[in-house]
PDB file of N, CA and C in Angstrom:
ATOM      1  N   GLN A   1     134.262  -4.717  -3.369  1.00  0.00           N
ATOM      2  CA  GLN A   1     133.180  -3.805  -3.015  1.00  0.00           C
ATOM      3  C   GLN A   1     132.033  -4.548  -2.509  1.00  0.00           C
ATOM      4  N   VAL A   2     131.485  -3.823  -1.511  1.00  0.00           N
ATOM      5  CA  VAL A   2     130.273  -4.471  -0.758  1.00  0.00           C
ATOM      6  C   VAL A   2     129.041  -3.774  -1.134  1.00  0.00           C
ATOM      7  N   GLN A   3     128.009  -4.456  -1.455  1.00  0.00           N
ATOM      8  CA  GLN A   3     126.654  -3.825  -1.738  1.00  0.00           C
ATOM      9  C   GLN A   3     125.989  -3.719  -0.351  1.00  0.00           C
ATOM     10  N   LEU A   4     125.395  -2.435  -0.218  1.00  0.00           N
ATOM     11  CA  LEU A   4     124.686  -2.172   1.162  1.00  0.00           C
ATOM     12  C   LEU A   4     123.274  -1.704   0.857  1.00  0.00           C
ATOM     13  N   ILE A   5     122.306  -2.360   1.429  1.00  0.00           N
ATOM     14  CA  ILE A   5     120.917  -2.144   1.165  1.00  0.00           C
ATOM     15  C   ILE A   5     120.176  -1.740   2.528  1.00  0.00           C
ATOM     16  N   GLU A   6     119.824  -0.516   2.642  1.00  0.00           N
ATOM     17  CA  GLU A   6     119.113  -0.019   3.808  1.00  0.00           C
ATOM     18  C   GLU A   6     117.669  -0.202   3.753  1.00  0.00           C
ATOM     19  N   SER A   7     117.018  -0.267   4.820  1.00  0.00           N
ATOM     20  CA  SER A   7     115.391  -0.460   4.859  1.00  0.00           C
ATOM     21  C   SER A   7     115.006  -0.005   6.241  1.00  0.00           C
ATOM     22  N   GLY A   8     113.640   0.288   6.463  1.00  0.00           N
ATOM     23  CA  GLY A   8     113.283   0.600   7.691  1.00  0.00           C
ATOM     24  C   GLY A   8     112.897   2.061   7.939  1.00  0.00           C
ATOM     25  N   GLY A   9     113.228   2.944   6.969  1.00  0.00           N
ATOM     26  CA  GLY A   9     112.875   4.362   7.013  1.00  0.00           C
ATOM     27  C   GLY A   9     111.352   4.635   6.942  1.00  0.00           C
ATOM     28  N   GLY A  10     110.877   5.842   7.284  1.00  0.00           N
ATOM     29  CA  GLY A  10     109.615   6.189   7.148  1.00  0.00           C
ATOM     30  C   GLY A  10     109.208   7.423   7.933  1.00  0.00           C
ATOM     31  N   LEU A  11     107.904   7.622   8.110  1.00  0.00           N
ATOM     32  CA  LEU A  11     107.334   8.871   8.795  1.00  0.00           C
ATOM     33  C   LEU A  11     107.011   8.452   9.990  1.00  0.00           C
ATOM     34  N   VAL A  12     107.383   9.108  11.163  1.00  0.00           N
ATOM     35  CA  VAL A  12     107.124   8.951  12.520  1.00  0.00           C
ATOM     36  C   VAL A  12     106.795  10.222  13.349  1.00  0.00           C
ATOM     37  N   GLN A  13     105.989  10.243  14.255  1.00  0.00           N
ATOM     38  CA  GLN A  13     105.703  11.271  15.136  1.00  0.00           C
ATOM     39  C   GLN A  13     106.926  11.492  16.011  1.00  0.00           C
ATOM     40  N   ALA A  14     107.169  12.729  16.489  1.00  0.00           N
ATOM     41  CA  ALA A  14     108.151  13.075  17.474  1.00  0.00           C
ATOM     42  C   ALA A  14     107.898  12.222  18.723  1.00  0.00           C
ATOM     43  N   GLY A  15     109.003  11.631  19.281  1.00  0.00           N
ATOM     44  CA  GLY A  15     108.754  10.873  20.413  1.00  0.00           C
ATOM     45  C   GLY A  15     108.689   9.422  20.134  1.00  0.00           C
ATOM     46  N   GLY A  16     108.466   9.027  18.781  1.00  0.00           N
ATOM     47  CA  GLY A  16     108.284   7.626  18.384  1.00  0.00           C
ATOM     48  C   GLY A  16     109.615   7.018  18.073  1.00  0.00           C
ATOM     49  N   SER A  17     109.608   5.862  17.673  1.00  0.00           N
ATOM     50  CA  SER A  17     110.759   4.880  17.278  1.00  0.00           C
ATOM     51  C   SER A  17     110.824   4.426  15.856  1.00  0.00           C
ATOM     52  N   LEU A  18     111.853   4.066  15.464  1.00  0.00           N
ATOM     53  CA  LEU A  18     112.155   3.384  14.090  1.00  0.00           C
ATOM     54  C   LEU A  18     113.331   2.556  14.234  1.00  0.00           C
ATOM     55  N   ARG A  19     113.335   1.466  13.423  1.00  0.00           N
ATOM     56  CA  ARG A  19     114.552   0.730  13.316  1.00  0.00           C
ATOM     57  C   ARG A  19     114.998   0.564  11.952  1.00  0.00           C
ATOM     58  N   LEU A  20     116.191   0.965  11.774  1.00  0.00           N
ATOM     59  CA  LEU A  20     116.812   0.813  10.342  1.00  0.00           C
ATOM     60  C   LEU A  20     117.632  -0.448  10.235  1.00  0.00           C
ATOM     61  N   SER A  21     117.682  -1.080   9.094  1.00  0.00           N
ATOM     62  CA  SER A  21     118.432  -2.213   8.804  1.00  0.00           C
ATOM     63  C   SER A  21     119.392  -2.023   7.594  1.00  0.00           C
ATOM     64  N   CYS A  22     120.483  -2.590   7.656  1.00  0.00           N
ATOM     65  CA  CYS A  22     121.467  -2.519   6.571  1.00  0.00           C
ATOM     66  C   CYS A  22     121.889  -3.902   6.281  1.00  0.00           C
ATOM     67  N   PHE A  23     121.709  -4.480   5.109  1.00  0.00           N
ATOM     68  CA  PHE A  23     122.109  -5.775   4.683  1.00  0.00           C
ATOM     69  C   PHE A  23     123.425  -5.592   3.769  1.00  0.00           C
ATOM     70  N   ALA A  24     124.429  -6.344   4.087  1.00  0.00           N
ATOM     71  CA  ALA A  24     125.629  -6.163   3.375  1.00  0.00           C
ATOM     72  C   ALA A  24     125.978  -7.442   2.659  1.00  0.00           C
ATOM     73  N   SER A  25     126.312  -7.455   1.320  1.00  0.00           N
ATOM     74  CA  SER A  25     126.656  -8.679   0.549  1.00  0.00           C
ATOM     75  C   SER A  25     128.176  -8.956   0.638  1.00  0.00           C
ATOM     76  N   ALA A  26     128.679  -9.097   1.855  1.00  0.00           N
ATOM     77  CA  ALA A  26     129.929  -9.333   2.215  1.00  0.00           C
ATOM     78  C   ALA A  26     130.300 -10.771   2.629  1.00  0.00           C
ATOM     79  N   ARG A  27     131.217 -11.362   2.095  1.00  0.00           N
ATOM     80  CA  ARG A  27     131.587 -12.802   2.419  1.00  0.00           C
ATOM     81  C   ARG A  27     132.010 -13.035   3.856  1.00  0.00           C
ATOM     82  N   THR A  28     132.708 -11.954   4.335  1.00  0.00           N
ATOM     83  CA  THR A  28     133.153 -11.892   5.708  1.00  0.00           C
ATOM     84  C   THR A  28     132.815 -10.644   6.343  1.00  0.00           C
ATOM     85  N   PHE A  29     131.606 -10.620   6.697  1.00  0.00           N
ATOM     86  CA  PHE A  29     130.834  -9.418   7.113  1.00  0.00           C
ATOM     87  C   PHE A  29     131.597  -8.927   8.472  1.00  0.00           C
ATOM     88  N   SER A  30     132.089  -9.943   9.185  1.00  0.00           N
ATOM     89  CA  SER A  30     132.710  -9.458  10.471  1.00  0.00           C
ATOM     90  C   SER A  30     133.996  -8.755  10.344  1.00  0.00           C
ATOM     91  N   SER A  31     134.465  -8.789   9.128  1.00  0.00           N
ATOM     92  CA  SER A  31     135.724  -8.097   8.786  1.00  0.00           C
ATOM     93  C   SER A  31     135.580  -6.584   8.506  1.00  0.00           C
ATOM     94  N   TYR A  32     134.347  -6.105   8.515  1.00  0.00           N
ATOM     95  CA  TYR A  32     133.902  -4.756   8.132  1.00  0.00           C
ATOM     96  C   TYR A  32     133.530  -3.975   9.367  1.00  0.00           C
ATOM     97  N   ALA A  33     134.239  -2.907   9.543  1.00  0.00           N
ATOM     98  CA  ALA A  33     133.584  -1.867  10.423  1.00  0.00           C
ATOM     99  C   ALA A  33     132.451  -1.116   9.607  1.00  0.00           C
ATOM    100  N   MET A  34     131.454  -0.821  10.477  1.00  0.00           N
ATOM    101  CA  MET A  34     130.216  -0.294   9.814  1.00  0.00           C
ATOM    102  C   MET A  34     129.800   0.996  10.452  1.00  0.00           C
ATOM    103  N   GLY A  35     128.921   1.808   9.791  1.00  0.00           N
ATOM    104  CA  GLY A  35     128.549   3.009  10.387  1.00  0.00           C
ATOM    105  C   GLY A  35     127.273   3.570   9.850  1.00  0.00           C
ATOM    106  N   TRP A  36     126.642   4.470  10.480  1.00  0.00           N
ATOM    107  CA  TRP A  36     125.519   5.074  10.032  1.00  0.00           C
ATOM    108  C   TRP A  36     125.755   6.620   9.922  1.00  0.00           C
ATOM    109  N   PHE A  37     125.507   7.209   8.742  1.00  0.00           N
ATOM    110  CA  PHE A  37     125.650   8.691   8.750  1.00  0.00           C
ATOM    111  C   PHE A  37     124.167   9.200   8.184  1.00  0.00           C
ATOM    112  N   ARG A  38     123.971  10.366   8.374  1.00  0.00           N
ATOM    113  CA  ARG A  38     122.673  11.038   7.965  1.00  0.00           C
ATOM    114  C   ARG A  38     122.894  12.509   7.218  1.00  0.00           C
ATOM    115  N   GLN A  39     122.184  12.779   6.259  1.00  0.00           N
ATOM    116  CA  GLN A  39     122.171  14.000   5.606  1.00  0.00           C
ATOM    117  C   GLN A  39     120.755  14.735   5.426  1.00  0.00           C
ATOM    118  N   ALA A  40     120.754  15.830   6.185  1.00  0.00           N
ATOM    119  CA  ALA A  40     119.367  16.621   6.029  1.00  0.00           C
ATOM    120  C   ALA A  40     119.595  17.699   4.922  1.00  0.00           C
ATOM    121  N   PRO A  41     118.336  18.053   4.231  1.00  0.00           N
ATOM    122  CA  PRO A  41     118.534  18.992   3.267  1.00  0.00           C
ATOM    123  C   PRO A  41     119.367  20.247   3.431  1.00  0.00           C
ATOM    124  N   GLY A  42     120.273  20.528   2.690  1.00  0.00           N
ATOM    125  CA  GLY A  42     121.201  21.691   2.754  1.00  0.00           C
ATOM    126  C   GLY A  42     122.241  21.631   3.848  1.00  0.00           C
ATOM    127  N   LYS A  43     122.347  20.435   4.298  1.00  0.00           N
ATOM    128  CA  LYS A  43     123.467  20.143   5.420  1.00  0.00           C
ATOM    129  C   LYS A  43     124.489  19.134   4.836  1.00  0.00           C
ATOM    130  N   GLU A  44     125.666  19.100   5.554  1.00  0.00           N
ATOM    131  CA  GLU A  44     126.608  18.130   5.167  1.00  0.00           C
ATOM    132  C   GLU A  44     126.227  16.714   5.810  1.00  0.00           C
ATOM    133  N   ARG A  45     126.698  15.669   5.136  1.00  0.00           N
ATOM    134  CA  ARG A  45     126.430  14.332   5.760  1.00  0.00           C
ATOM    135  C   ARG A  45     127.186  14.311   7.073  1.00  0.00           C
ATOM    136  N   GLU A  46     126.624  13.795   8.011  1.00  0.00           N
ATOM    137  CA  GLU A  46     127.233  13.782   9.427  1.00  0.00           C
ATOM    138  C   GLU A  46     127.147  12.368   9.905  1.00  0.00           C
ATOM    139  N   PHE A  47     128.173  12.131  10.758  1.00  0.00           N
ATOM    140  CA  PHE A  47     128.352  10.782  11.562  1.00  0.00           C
ATOM    141  C   PHE A  47     127.165  10.739  12.627  1.00  0.00           C
ATOM    142  N   VAL A  48     126.561   9.472  12.554  1.00  0.00           N
ATOM    143  CA  VAL A  48     125.688   9.166  13.590  1.00  0.00           C
ATOM    144  C   VAL A  48     126.113   8.088  14.643  1.00  0.00           C
ATOM    145  N   ALA A  49     126.672   6.889  14.042  1.00  0.00           N
ATOM    146  CA  ALA A  49     127.105   5.975  14.985  1.00  0.00           C
ATOM    147  C   ALA A  49     127.988   4.968  14.131  1.00  0.00           C
ATOM    148  N   SER A  50     128.847   4.309  14.810  1.00  0.00           N
ATOM    149  CA  SER A  50     129.728   3.253  14.212  1.00  0.00           C
ATOM    150  C   SER A  50     129.885   1.964  15.026  1.00  0.00           C
ATOM    151  N   ILE A  51     130.125   0.982  14.481  1.00  0.00           N
ATOM    152  CA  ILE A  51     130.391  -0.387  15.257  1.00  0.00           C
ATOM    153  C   ILE A  51     131.509  -1.065  14.576  1.00  0.00           C
ATOM    154  N   SER A  52     132.243  -1.667  15.557  1.00  0.00           N
ATOM    155  CA  SER A  52     133.479  -2.559  14.990  1.00  0.00           C
ATOM    156  C   SER A  52     132.924  -3.797  14.444  1.00  0.00           C
ATOM    157  N   GLY A  53     133.931  -4.561  13.727  1.00  0.00           N
ATOM    158  CA  GLY A  53     133.430  -5.833  13.041  1.00  0.00           C
ATOM    159  C   GLY A  53     132.793  -6.894  14.008  1.00  0.00           C
ATOM    160  N   SER A  54     133.389  -6.960  15.182  1.00  0.00           N
ATOM    161  CA  SER A  54     132.806  -7.883  16.199  1.00  0.00           C
ATOM    162  C   SER A  54     131.554  -7.379  16.710  1.00  0.00           C
ATOM    163  N   GLY A  55     131.324  -6.147  16.727  1.00  0.00           N
ATOM    164  CA  GLY A  55     130.116  -5.550  17.381  1.00  0.00           C
ATOM    165  C   GLY A  55     130.377  -5.215  18.907  1.00  0.00           C
ATOM    166  N   GLY A  56     131.751  -5.352  19.325  1.00  0.00           N
ATOM    167  CA  GLY A  56     132.057  -5.056  20.706  1.00  0.00           C
ATOM    168  C   GLY A  56     132.399  -3.685  20.993  1.00  0.00           C
ATOM    169  N   THR A  57     132.455  -2.790  19.961  1.00  0.00           N
ATOM    170  CA  THR A  57     132.812  -1.314  20.187  1.00  0.00           C
ATOM    171  C   THR A  57     131.833  -0.528  19.418  1.00  0.00           C
ATOM    172  N   THR A  58     131.214   0.379  19.947  1.00  0.00           N
ATOM    173  CA  THR A  58     130.236   1.249  19.331  1.00  0.00           C
ATOM    174  C   THR A  58     130.650   2.769  19.832  1.00  0.00           C
ATOM    175  N   HIS A  59     130.266   3.613  18.855  1.00  0.00           N
ATOM    176  CA  HIS A  59     130.437   5.138  19.296  1.00  0.00           C
ATOM    177  C   HIS A  59     129.178   5.835  18.547  1.00  0.00           C
ATOM    178  N   TYR A  60     128.910   6.957  19.186  1.00  0.00           N
ATOM    179  CA  TYR A  60     127.776   7.702  18.938  1.00  0.00           C
ATOM    180  C   TYR A  60     128.035   9.212  18.824  1.00  0.00           C
ATOM    181  N   SER A  61     127.458   9.836  17.885  1.00  0.00           N
ATOM    182  CA  SER A  61     127.572  11.437  17.959  1.00  0.00           C
ATOM    183  C   SER A  61     126.763  11.912  19.166  1.00  0.00           C
ATOM    184  N   ASP A  62     127.086  13.277  19.580  1.00  0.00           N
ATOM    185  CA  ASP A  62     126.478  13.610  20.771  1.00  0.00           C
ATOM    186  C   ASP A  62     125.015  13.861  20.508  1.00  0.00           C
ATOM    187  N   PRO A  63     124.438  14.257  19.430  1.00  0.00           N
ATOM    188  CA  PRO A  63     122.995  14.403  19.297  1.00  0.00           C
ATOM    189  C   PRO A  63     122.254  13.254  19.371  1.00  0.00           C
ATOM    190  N   VAL A  64     122.769  12.110  19.184  1.00  0.00           N
ATOM    191  CA  VAL A  64     121.817  10.865  19.145  1.00  0.00           C
ATOM    192  C   VAL A  64     122.225   9.952  20.473  1.00  0.00           C
ATOM    193  N   LYS A  65     123.390  10.330  21.251  1.00  0.00           N
ATOM    194  CA  LYS A  65     123.673   9.546  22.260  1.00  0.00           C
ATOM    195  C   LYS A  65     122.732   9.299  23.374  1.00  0.00           C
ATOM    196  N   GLY A  66     122.360   8.094  23.712  1.00  0.00           N
ATOM    197  CA  GLY A  66     121.330   7.764  24.746  1.00  0.00           C
ATOM    198  C   GLY A  66     119.894   7.533  24.099  1.00  0.00           C
ATOM    199  N   ARG A  67     119.822   7.939  22.796  1.00  0.00           N
ATOM    200  CA  ARG A  67     118.514   7.618  22.203  1.00  0.00           C
ATOM    201  C   ARG A  67     118.589   6.621  20.992  1.00  0.00           C
ATOM    202  N   PHE A  68     119.813   6.509  20.377  1.00  0.00           N
ATOM    203  CA  PHE A  68     119.985   5.537  19.259  1.00  0.00           C
ATOM    204  C   PHE A  68     120.878   4.393  19.815  1.00  0.00           C
ATOM    205  N   THR A  69     120.669   3.314  19.275  1.00  0.00           N
ATOM    206  CA  THR A  69     121.465   2.091  19.491  1.00  0.00           C
ATOM    207  C   THR A  69     121.965   1.426  18.181  1.00  0.00           C
ATOM    208  N   ILE A  70     123.223   1.304  18.052  1.00  0.00           N
ATOM    209  CA  ILE A  70     123.707   0.512  16.854  1.00  0.00           C
ATOM    210  C   ILE A  70     124.011  -0.933  17.228  1.00  0.00           C
ATOM    211  N   SER A  71     123.777  -1.753  16.311  1.00  0.00           N
ATOM    212  CA  SER A  71     124.108  -3.185  16.686  1.00  0.00           C
ATOM    213  C   SER A  71     124.235  -3.964  15.292  1.00  0.00           C
ATOM    214  N   ARG A  72     124.690  -5.156  15.368  1.00  0.00           N
ATOM    215  CA  ARG A  72     124.890  -5.968  14.103  1.00  0.00           C
ATOM    216  C   ARG A  72     124.669  -7.375  14.555  1.00  0.00           C
ATOM    217  N   ASP A  73     124.222  -8.226  13.454  1.00  0.00           N
ATOM    218  CA  ASP A  73     124.176  -9.617  13.482  1.00  0.00           C
ATOM    219  C   ASP A  73     124.943 -10.153  12.423  1.00  0.00           C
ATOM    220  N   ASN A  74     126.137 -10.558  12.768  1.00  0.00           N
ATOM    221  CA  ASN A  74     127.135 -11.114  11.742  1.00  0.00           C
ATOM    222  C   ASN A  74     126.781 -12.435  11.105  1.00  0.00           C
ATOM    223  N   GLY A  75     125.798 -13.128  11.729  1.00  0.00           N
ATOM    224  CA  GLY A  75     125.238 -14.300  11.047  1.00  0.00           C
ATOM    225  C   GLY A  75     124.303 -14.005  10.079  1.00  0.00           C
ATOM    226  N   LYS A  76     123.637 -12.875  10.004  1.00  0.00           N
ATOM    227  CA  LYS A  76     122.694 -12.283   9.044  1.00  0.00           C
ATOM    228  C   LYS A  76     123.401 -11.236   8.082  1.00  0.00           C
ATOM    229  N   ASN A  77     124.530 -10.944   8.295  1.00  0.00           N
ATOM    230  CA  ASN A  77     125.148  -9.757   7.375  1.00  0.00           C
ATOM    231  C   ASN A  77     124.301  -8.576   7.568  1.00  0.00           C
ATOM    232  N   THR A  78     123.814  -8.284   8.634  1.00  0.00           N
ATOM    233  CA  THR A  78     122.932  -7.054   8.889  1.00  0.00           C
ATOM    234  C   THR A  78     123.362  -6.314   9.987  1.00  0.00           C
ATOM    235  N   MET A  79     123.213  -4.946   9.863  1.00  0.00           N
ATOM    236  CA  MET A  79     123.412  -3.929  10.903  1.00  0.00           C
ATOM    237  C   MET A  79     122.257  -3.217  11.103  1.00  0.00           C
ATOM    238  N   TYR A  80     121.985  -2.745  12.315  1.00  0.00           N
ATOM    239  CA  TYR A  80     120.911  -2.095  12.700  1.00  0.00           C
ATOM    240  C   TYR A  80     121.168  -0.747  13.373  1.00  0.00           C
ATOM    241  N   LEU A  81     120.054   0.055  13.344  1.00  0.00           N
ATOM    242  CA  LEU A  81     119.957   1.319  14.067  1.00  0.00           C
ATOM    243  C   LEU A  81     118.563   1.604  14.747  1.00  0.00           C
ATOM    244  N   GLN A  82     118.628   1.272  15.949  1.00  0.00           N
ATOM    245  CA  GLN A  82     117.362   1.453  16.745  1.00  0.00           C
ATOM    246  C   GLN A  82     117.356   3.009  17.187  1.00  0.00           C
ATOM    247  N   MET A  83     116.236   3.658  16.702  1.00  0.00           N
ATOM    248  CA  MET A  83     116.112   4.959  17.000  1.00  0.00           C
ATOM    249  C   MET A  83     114.921   5.299  17.861  1.00  0.00           C
ATOM    250  N   ASN A  84     115.116   5.746  19.156  1.00  0.00           N
ATOM    251  CA  ASN A  84     114.066   6.127  20.055  1.00  0.00           C
ATOM    252  C   ASN A  84     114.005   7.559  20.332  1.00  0.00           C
ATOM    253  N   SER A  85     112.893   7.872  20.885  1.00  0.00           N
ATOM    254  CA  SER A  85     112.696   9.366  21.193  1.00  0.00           C
ATOM    255  C   SER A  85     113.027  10.236  20.142  1.00  0.00           C
ATOM    256  N   LEU A  86     112.615   9.926  18.945  1.00  0.00           N
ATOM    257  CA  LEU A  86     112.912  10.705  17.819  1.00  0.00           C
ATOM    258  C   LEU A  86     112.434  12.174  17.799  1.00  0.00           C
ATOM    259  N   LYS A  87     113.194  13.034  17.354  1.00  0.00           N
ATOM    260  CA  LYS A  87     112.897  14.486  17.222  1.00  0.00           C
ATOM    261  C   LYS A  87     113.018  15.079  15.849  1.00  0.00           C
ATOM    262  N   SER A  88     112.421  16.077  15.638  1.00  0.00           N
ATOM    263  CA  SER A  88     112.163  16.653  14.302  1.00  0.00           C
ATOM    264  C   SER A  88     113.543  16.904  13.540  1.00  0.00           C
ATOM    265  N   GLU A  89     114.546  17.196  14.408  1.00  0.00           N
ATOM    266  CA  GLU A  89     115.972  17.450  13.906  1.00  0.00           C
ATOM    267  C   GLU A  89     116.576  16.088  13.480  1.00  0.00           C
ATOM    268  N   ASP A  90     115.979  14.985  13.748  1.00  0.00           N
ATOM    269  CA  ASP A  90     116.502  13.767  13.167  1.00  0.00           C
ATOM    270  C   ASP A  90     116.133  13.438  11.801  1.00  0.00           C
ATOM    271  N   THR A  91     115.244  14.267  11.364  1.00  0.00           N
ATOM    272  CA  THR A  91     114.689  14.105   9.920  1.00  0.00           C
ATOM    273  C   THR A  91     116.040  14.245   9.029  1.00  0.00           C
ATOM    274  N   ALA A  92     116.199  13.173   8.063  1.00  0.00           N
ATOM    275  CA  ALA A  92     117.292  13.127   7.263  1.00  0.00           C
ATOM    276  C   ALA A  92     117.260  11.879   6.377  1.00  0.00           C
ATOM    277  N   VAL A  93     118.166  11.753   5.420  1.00  0.00           N
ATOM    278  CA  VAL A  93     118.224  10.622   4.662  1.00  0.00           C
ATOM    279  C   VAL A  93     119.539   9.857   5.544  1.00  0.00           C
ATOM    280  N   TYR A  94     119.192   8.630   5.826  1.00  0.00           N
ATOM    281  CA  TYR A  94     120.211   7.834   6.659  1.00  0.00           C
ATOM    282  C   TYR A  94     120.870   6.884   5.725  1.00  0.00           C
ATOM    283  N   TYR A  95     122.242   6.851   5.803  1.00  0.00           N
ATOM    284  CA  TYR A  95     123.067   6.061   4.998  1.00  0.00           C
ATOM    285  C   TYR A  95     123.838   4.989   5.746  1.00  0.00           C
ATOM    286  N   CYS A  96     123.955   3.773   5.367  1.00  0.00           N
ATOM    287  CA  CYS A  96     124.679   2.744   5.778  1.00  0.00           C
ATOM    288  C   CYS A  96     126.160   2.817   5.137  1.00  0.00           C
ATOM    289  N   THR A  97     127.121   2.586   5.827  1.00  0.00           N
ATOM    290  CA  THR A  97     128.485   2.501   5.186  1.00  0.00           C
ATOM    291  C   THR A  97     129.372   1.551   5.896  1.00  0.00           C
ATOM    292  N   ALA A  98     130.487   1.010   5.011  1.00  0.00           N
ATOM    293  CA  ALA A  98     131.327  -0.089   5.500  1.00  0.00           C
ATOM    294  C   ALA A  98     132.731   0.218   5.009  1.00  0.00           C
ATOM    295  N   LYS A  99     133.638  -0.395   5.832  1.00  0.00           N
ATOM    296  CA  LYS A  99     135.086  -0.319   5.584  1.00  0.00           C
ATOM    297  C   LYS A  99     135.608  -1.718   5.933  1.00  0.00           C
ATOM    298  N   ARG A 100     136.427  -2.344   5.190  1.00  0.00           N
ATOM    299  CA  ARG A 100     137.056  -3.716   5.440  1.00  0.00           C
ATOM    300  C   ARG A 100     138.226  -3.308   6.340  1.00  0.00           C
ATOM    301  N   THR A 101     138.020  -3.406   7.678  1.00  0.00           N
ATOM    302  CA  THR A 101     139.170  -2.990   8.504  1.00  0.00           C
ATOM    303  C   THR A 101     138.762  -3.533   9.814  1.00  0.00           C
ATOM    304  N   TYR A 102     139.822  -3.736  10.823  1.00  0.00           N
ATOM    305  CA  TYR A 102     139.664  -4.049  12.176  1.00  0.00           C
ATOM    306  C   TYR A 102     139.753  -2.823  12.940  1.00  0.00           C
ATOM    307  N   GLN A 103     139.951  -1.653  12.269  1.00  0.00           N
ATOM    308  CA  GLN A 103     140.093  -0.378  13.012  1.00  0.00           C
ATOM    309  C   GLN A 103     138.564  -0.021  13.570  1.00  0.00           C
ATOM    310  N   GLU A 104     138.688   0.558  14.717  1.00  0.00           N
ATOM    311  CA  GLU A 104     137.443   0.908  15.533  1.00  0.00           C
ATOM    312  C   GLU A 104     137.230   2.454  15.418  1.00  0.00           C
ATOM    313  N   ASN A 105     135.967   2.878  15.813  1.00  0.00           N
ATOM    314  CA  ASN A 105     135.696   4.238  15.929  1.00  0.00           C
ATOM    315  C   ASN A 105     136.067   5.142  14.799  1.00  0.00           C
ATOM    316  N   ILE A 106     135.457   4.835  13.598  1.00  0.00           N
ATOM    317  CA  ILE A 106     135.686   5.573  12.335  1.00  0.00           C
ATOM    318  C   ILE A 106     134.624   6.552  12.283  1.00  0.00           C
ATOM    319  N   HIS A 107     134.880   7.761  12.403  1.00  0.00           N
ATOM    320  CA  HIS A 107     133.875   8.960  12.328  1.00  0.00           C
ATOM    321  C   HIS A 107     133.879   9.683  11.076  1.00  0.00           C
ATOM    322  N   ASP A 108     134.979   9.607  10.348  1.00  0.00           N
ATOM    323  CA  ASP A 108     135.130  10.470   9.151  1.00  0.00           C
ATOM    324  C   ASP A 108     134.514   9.810   7.975  1.00  0.00           C
ATOM    325  N   ARG A 109     133.562  10.393   7.217  1.00  0.00           N
ATOM    326  CA  ARG A 109     132.901   9.702   6.029  1.00  0.00           C
ATOM    327  C   ARG A 109     133.893   9.373   4.992  1.00  0.00           C
ATOM    328  N   TYR A 110     134.973  10.113   4.947  1.00  0.00           N
ATOM    329  CA  TYR A 110     135.976   9.857   3.795  1.00  0.00           C
ATOM    330  C   TYR A 110     136.774   8.577   4.059  1.00  0.00           C
ATOM    331  N   ASP A 111     136.711   8.124   5.300  1.00  0.00           N
ATOM    332  CA  ASP A 111     137.482   6.836   5.534  1.00  0.00           C
ATOM    333  C   ASP A 111     136.668   5.672   5.227  1.00  0.00           C
ATOM    334  N   TYR A 112     135.348   5.813   4.827  1.00  0.00           N
ATOM    335  CA  TYR A 112     134.566   4.582   4.493  1.00  0.00           C
ATOM    336  C   TYR A 112     134.674   4.382   3.048  1.00  0.00           C
ATOM    337  N   ASP A 113     134.420   3.097   2.607  1.00  0.00           N
ATOM    338  CA  ASP A 113     134.502   2.875   1.224  1.00  0.00           C
ATOM    339  C   ASP A 113     133.365   2.553   0.476  1.00  0.00           C
ATOM    340  N   ASP A 114     132.392   1.911   1.107  1.00  0.00           N
ATOM    341  CA  ASP A 114     131.159   1.574   0.439  1.00  0.00           C
ATOM    342  C   ASP A 114     129.870   2.209   1.174  1.00  0.00           C
ATOM    343  N   TRP A 115     128.867   2.572   0.273  1.00  0.00           N
ATOM    344  CA  TRP A 115     127.666   3.371   0.806  1.00  0.00           C
ATOM    345  C   TRP A 115     126.441   2.691   0.305  1.00  0.00           C
ATOM    346  N   GLY A 116     125.411   2.698   0.988  1.00  0.00           N
ATOM    347  CA  GLY A 116     124.149   2.322   0.629  1.00  0.00           C
ATOM    348  C   GLY A 116     123.388   3.559  -0.065  1.00  0.00           C
ATOM    349  N   GLN A 117     122.208   3.212  -0.642  1.00  0.00           N
ATOM    350  CA  GLN A 117     121.456   4.211  -1.235  1.00  0.00           C
ATOM    351  C   GLN A 117     120.758   5.178  -0.530  1.00  0.00           C
ATOM    352  N   GLY A 118     120.506   5.020   0.853  1.00  0.00           N
ATOM    353  CA  GLY A 118     119.974   5.842   1.788  1.00  0.00           C
ATOM    354  C   GLY A 118     118.649   5.554   1.986  1.00  0.00           C
ATOM    355  N   THR A 119     118.031   5.866   3.201  1.00  0.00           N
ATOM    356  CA  THR A 119     116.650   5.627   3.433  1.00  0.00           C
ATOM    357  C   THR A 119     116.161   6.871   4.174  1.00  0.00           C
ATOM    358  N   GLN A 120     115.061   7.379   3.811  1.00  0.00           N
ATOM    359  CA  GLN A 120     114.612   8.577   4.361  1.00  0.00           C
ATOM    360  C   GLN A 120     113.751   8.401   5.669  1.00  0.00           C
ATOM    361  N   VAL A 121     114.218   9.054   6.677  1.00  0.00           N
ATOM    362  CA  VAL A 121     113.548   9.244   8.047  1.00  0.00           C
ATOM    363  C   VAL A 121     112.932  10.535   8.156  1.00  0.00           C
ATOM    364  N   THR A 122     111.621  10.739   8.363  1.00  0.00           N
ATOM    365  CA  THR A 122     110.895  11.969   8.598  1.00  0.00           C
ATOM    366  C   THR A 122     110.174  11.879   9.976  1.00  0.00           C
ATOM    367  N   VAL A 123     110.562  12.819  10.805  1.00  0.00           N
ATOM    368  CA  VAL A 123     109.912  12.926  12.003  1.00  0.00           C
ATOM    369  C   VAL A 123     108.973  14.311  12.077  1.00  0.00           C
ATOM    370  N   SER A 124     107.839  14.011  12.465  1.00  0.00           N
ATOM    371  CA  SER A 124     106.883  15.117  12.318  1.00  0.00           C
ATOM    372  C   SER A 124     106.651  15.600  13.743  1.00  0.00           C
ATOM    373  N   SER A 125     106.611  16.860  13.921  1.00  0.00           N
ATOM    374  CA  SER A 125     106.404  17.407  15.337  1.00  0.00           C
ATOM    375  C   SER A 125     104.925  17.730  15.712  1.00  0.00           C
TER     376      SER A 125
END
């Protein structure tokens, strides 16, 4: 089991930027596919972005494509989500998730094994 710790959430005005970080306590971090999900009040947890273990393959949901960038630094056991041009509809708790696999493009939350505690992102309009 991998412990995941998110940071970087906060309050930002519409059009602004935030960068989320997720540190993983994994001995072989590069063996884990990683992802970001988000959950707004009263809504289902939804896929935001995913990244392969090597970092060479990334995928995004349509609402964030072109505005968000997922990346990872395997030397630091850390994954990032750079969020630009934020909108009020991006307001949610953002969760980091991991699965030990070389599989790429994992969009289904039920396919992931480990989750962080979440970090709140609030975008004011």
